[in-house]
Structures are given as structure tokens and as C-alpha cells.
Amino acid sequence: MAIIGCLGEIIFSVSSETVETLDNMQWSGKARYGTHQRHLQNALTEFTGIDPDNISFDITLFRQFGVDPQAELVKIWKYEREGTPVPLTIGEKGYGKYRWNITDHKTKVNHFDINGNVTVATVSLNLQEYLKNG
């Protein structure tokens, strides 16, 4: 099995039995500036800091490729709803300065089996960087 990375306990991997990978990853950051108005002069801008970075990506969950879509969705919901900061690693690189929070998700259920169980789903995640205090 080739482990591509992980988001907490959500493992991105590829093997002859399992495929669970991420796609369409975007990483963004933003600096903050304040504008100070001055009487009869040009306004001054001041660098005031950096907002937390954001990462978004999609995960497609296929039961036929050894992944239980419902179990993976429960992990995502739990991280999001409990506000649990989790590490994000892809390859040998840890992303961010510390950890990430799942701020929101959207799940598109592509297929169900005859019993109504999810067999294929695509979940889009939005993460926000979580920094340690101090």
C-alpha cells in the first residue's frame, strides 16, 4: 500500500485493494492591511498581520475500491462538529504551521446500492489553519 498522506485519521492511500486520494487541492493565504485616513493627504496603509491559510480539496470515496464512504464521512463530520484540529500531511510534507480545522464540507452522493447504502460519494472540504497560542 502506498500512503499518499493523511488528514488526521483519514488516510489517503492507493493499493491493489484500496483507493482514497485527494483532488483539486487549492491553498490560499491572505495578508491584512489597515488604512489610515489623513486630513488633506494620501491615506497610509499599514501591514497588520496575516490571516490563517485556507486549503480546499475533494475526496472521492468508492466502496468498490475498498473505502467505506459512510465511515469516512462520519470522521469528517466529527472533526468539523467537534472543532478538532488535525494535521495534514501529503507525501513527506506536513502542511501549515501546526494543524487544520475543517470549517465546512459538501457531500455529493453519486451512487447508492439496492439497500440505500452510499457506494460512491465526493466530499469537498474547506480547511482553515489552526495555530497554537503563543
Protein backbone atom coordinates (compact mmCIF):
# COMPACT_ATOMS: atom_id res chain seq x y z
CA MET A 1 0.00 0.00 0.00
CA ALA A 2 1.27 3.46 -0.89
CA ILE A 3 0.20 6.02 1.68
CA ILE A 4 -0.08 9.38 -0.05
CA GLY A 5 -0.91 11.35 3.09
CA CYS A 6 -3.50 11.90 5.79
CA LEU A 7 -5.84 14.39 7.40
CA GLY A 8 -5.97 13.24 11.00
CA GLU A 9 -7.18 9.63 10.82
CA ILE A 10 -8.40 9.96 7.22
CA ILE A 11 -5.71 8.14 5.25
CA PHE A 12 -5.07 8.94 1.57
CA SER A 13 -3.71 5.75 0.01
CA VAL A 14 -3.51 3.63 -3.11
CA SER A 15 -3.08 -0.14 -3.27
CA SER A 16 -4.45 -3.09 -5.22
CA GLU A 17 -7.45 -3.14 -2.82
CA THR A 18 -7.93 0.49 -1.78
CA VAL A 19 -8.05 3.86 -3.49
CA GLU A 20 -8.70 7.02 -1.44
CA THR A 21 -6.99 10.12 -2.78
CA LEU A 22 -7.50 13.86 -2.85
CA ASP A 23 -8.03 16.00 -5.92
CA ASN A 24 -8.38 19.69 -6.88
CA MET A 25 -6.32 20.98 -3.94
CA GLN A 26 -6.09 24.75 -3.53
CA TRP A 27 -4.03 26.51 -0.87
CA SER A 28 -4.60 30.22 -0.22
CA GLY A 29 -3.34 32.84 2.17
CA LYS A 30 -4.01 36.50 2.82
CA ALA A 31 -2.22 39.44 4.43
CA ARG A 32 -4.14 42.09 6.38
CA TYR A 33 -3.68 45.83 5.93
CA GLY A 34 -5.21 48.76 7.73
CA THR A 35 -5.85 52.08 6.02
CA HIS A 36 -5.34 55.27 7.99
CA GLN A 37 -7.10 58.32 6.61
CA ARG A 38 -5.20 61.62 6.94
CA HIS A 39 -6.63 65.11 6.57
CA LEU A 40 -5.80 66.58 3.15
CA GLN A 41 -3.14 63.90 2.50
CA ASN A 42 -2.94 60.47 0.98
CA ALA A 43 -4.10 57.63 3.19
CA LEU A 44 -1.44 55.43 4.75
CA THR A 45 -1.54 51.66 4.66
CA GLU A 46 -0.13 49.53 7.43
CA PHE A 47 0.59 45.80 7.42
CA THR A 48 -1.32 44.43 10.43
CA GLY A 49 -0.74 40.69 10.14
CA ILE A 50 -1.60 37.52 8.31
CA ASP A 51 -4.94 35.72 8.25
CA PRO A 52 -4.94 31.93 8.67
CA ASP A 53 -4.28 30.00 5.47
CA ASN A 54 -7.06 28.00 3.82
CA ILE A 55 -6.90 24.72 1.92
CA SER A 56 -9.67 23.08 -0.05
CA PHE A 57 -9.79 19.74 -1.86
CA ASP A 58 -12.11 16.94 -2.93
CA ILE A 59 -12.05 13.30 -1.86
CA THR A 60 -13.92 10.69 -3.88
CA LEU A 61 -14.96 7.68 -1.81
CA PHE A 62 -15.63 4.43 -3.70
CA ARG A 63 -16.90 1.36 -1.86
CA GLN A 64 -15.75 -0.79 -4.81
CA PHE A 65 -12.17 0.41 -4.16
CA GLY A 66 -12.13 -0.69 -0.51
CA VAL A 67 -13.37 2.50 1.16
CA ASP A 68 -16.46 2.76 3.37
CA PRO A 69 -17.87 6.14 2.31
CA GLN A 70 -20.19 6.43 5.32
CA ALA A 71 -17.38 5.70 7.81
CA GLU A 72 -15.14 8.33 6.21
CA LEU A 73 -17.96 10.89 6.20
CA VAL A 74 -18.55 10.26 9.91
CA LYS A 75 -14.84 11.05 10.60
CA ILE A 76 -15.16 14.29 8.64
CA TRP A 77 -18.39 15.30 10.42
CA LYS A 78 -16.86 14.54 13.80
CA TYR A 79 -13.73 16.64 13.14
CA GLU A 80 -15.86 19.51 11.86
CA ARG A 81 -18.56 19.47 14.55
CA GLU A 82 -16.18 18.98 17.47
CA GLY A 83 -13.73 21.61 16.18
CA THR A 84 -10.88 19.10 16.33
CA PRO A 85 -7.64 20.48 14.84
CA VAL A 86 -5.89 17.77 12.80
CA PRO A 87 -2.55 17.55 10.98
CA LEU A 88 -2.49 17.50 7.17
CA THR A 89 0.34 15.56 5.55
CA ILE A 90 0.78 14.89 1.85
CA GLY A 91 3.80 12.87 0.82
CA GLU A 92 6.54 13.64 3.30
CA LYS A 93 5.39 17.24 3.82
CA GLY A 94 3.32 18.48 6.72
CA TYR A 95 1.21 21.45 5.62
CA GLY A 96 0.77 24.61 7.68
CA LYS A 97 2.50 25.68 10.86
CA TYR A 98 0.56 23.35 13.15
CA ARG A 99 -2.87 21.87 12.35
CA TRP A 100 -6.10 22.46 10.41
CA ASN A 101 -9.81 22.70 11.23
CA ILE A 102 -12.48 21.51 8.84
CA THR A 103 -14.65 24.62 8.55
CA ASP A 104 -17.20 23.16 6.15
CA HIS A 105 -17.87 20.35 3.75
CA LYS A 106 -20.19 19.49 0.88
CA THR A 107 -21.00 15.91 0.03
CA LYS A 108 -22.29 14.80 -3.34
CA VAL A 109 -23.63 11.25 -3.18
CA ASN A 110 -23.08 9.74 -6.61
CA HIS A 111 -24.47 6.21 -6.12
CA PHE A 112 -26.41 4.05 -3.65
CA ASP A 113 -26.71 0.26 -3.53
CA ILE A 114 -30.08 -1.54 -3.55
CA ASN A 115 -30.29 -1.16 0.25
CA GLY A 116 -29.76 2.61 0.18
CA ASN A 117 -26.13 2.47 1.36
CA VAL A 118 -23.76 5.05 -0.13
CA THR A 119 -21.37 3.36 -2.56
CA VAL A 120 -19.78 6.42 -4.20
CA ALA A 121 -19.55 9.93 -2.77
CA THR A 122 -17.44 13.00 -3.42
CA VAL A 123 -16.81 15.27 -0.47
CA SER A 124 -15.38 18.78 -0.83
CA LEU A 125 -13.55 20.02 2.26
CA ASN A 126 -12.53 23.50 3.33
CA LEU A 127 -9.82 23.73 5.97
CA GLN A 128 -8.56 26.70 7.95
CA GLU A 129 -5.14 26.80 9.54
CA TYR A 130 -5.17 26.37 13.33
CA LEU A 131 -2.20 27.80 15.19
CA LYS A 132 -1.02 27.13 18.75
CA ASN A 133 -1.39 30.01 21.19
CA GLY A 134 1.91 31.73 21.84
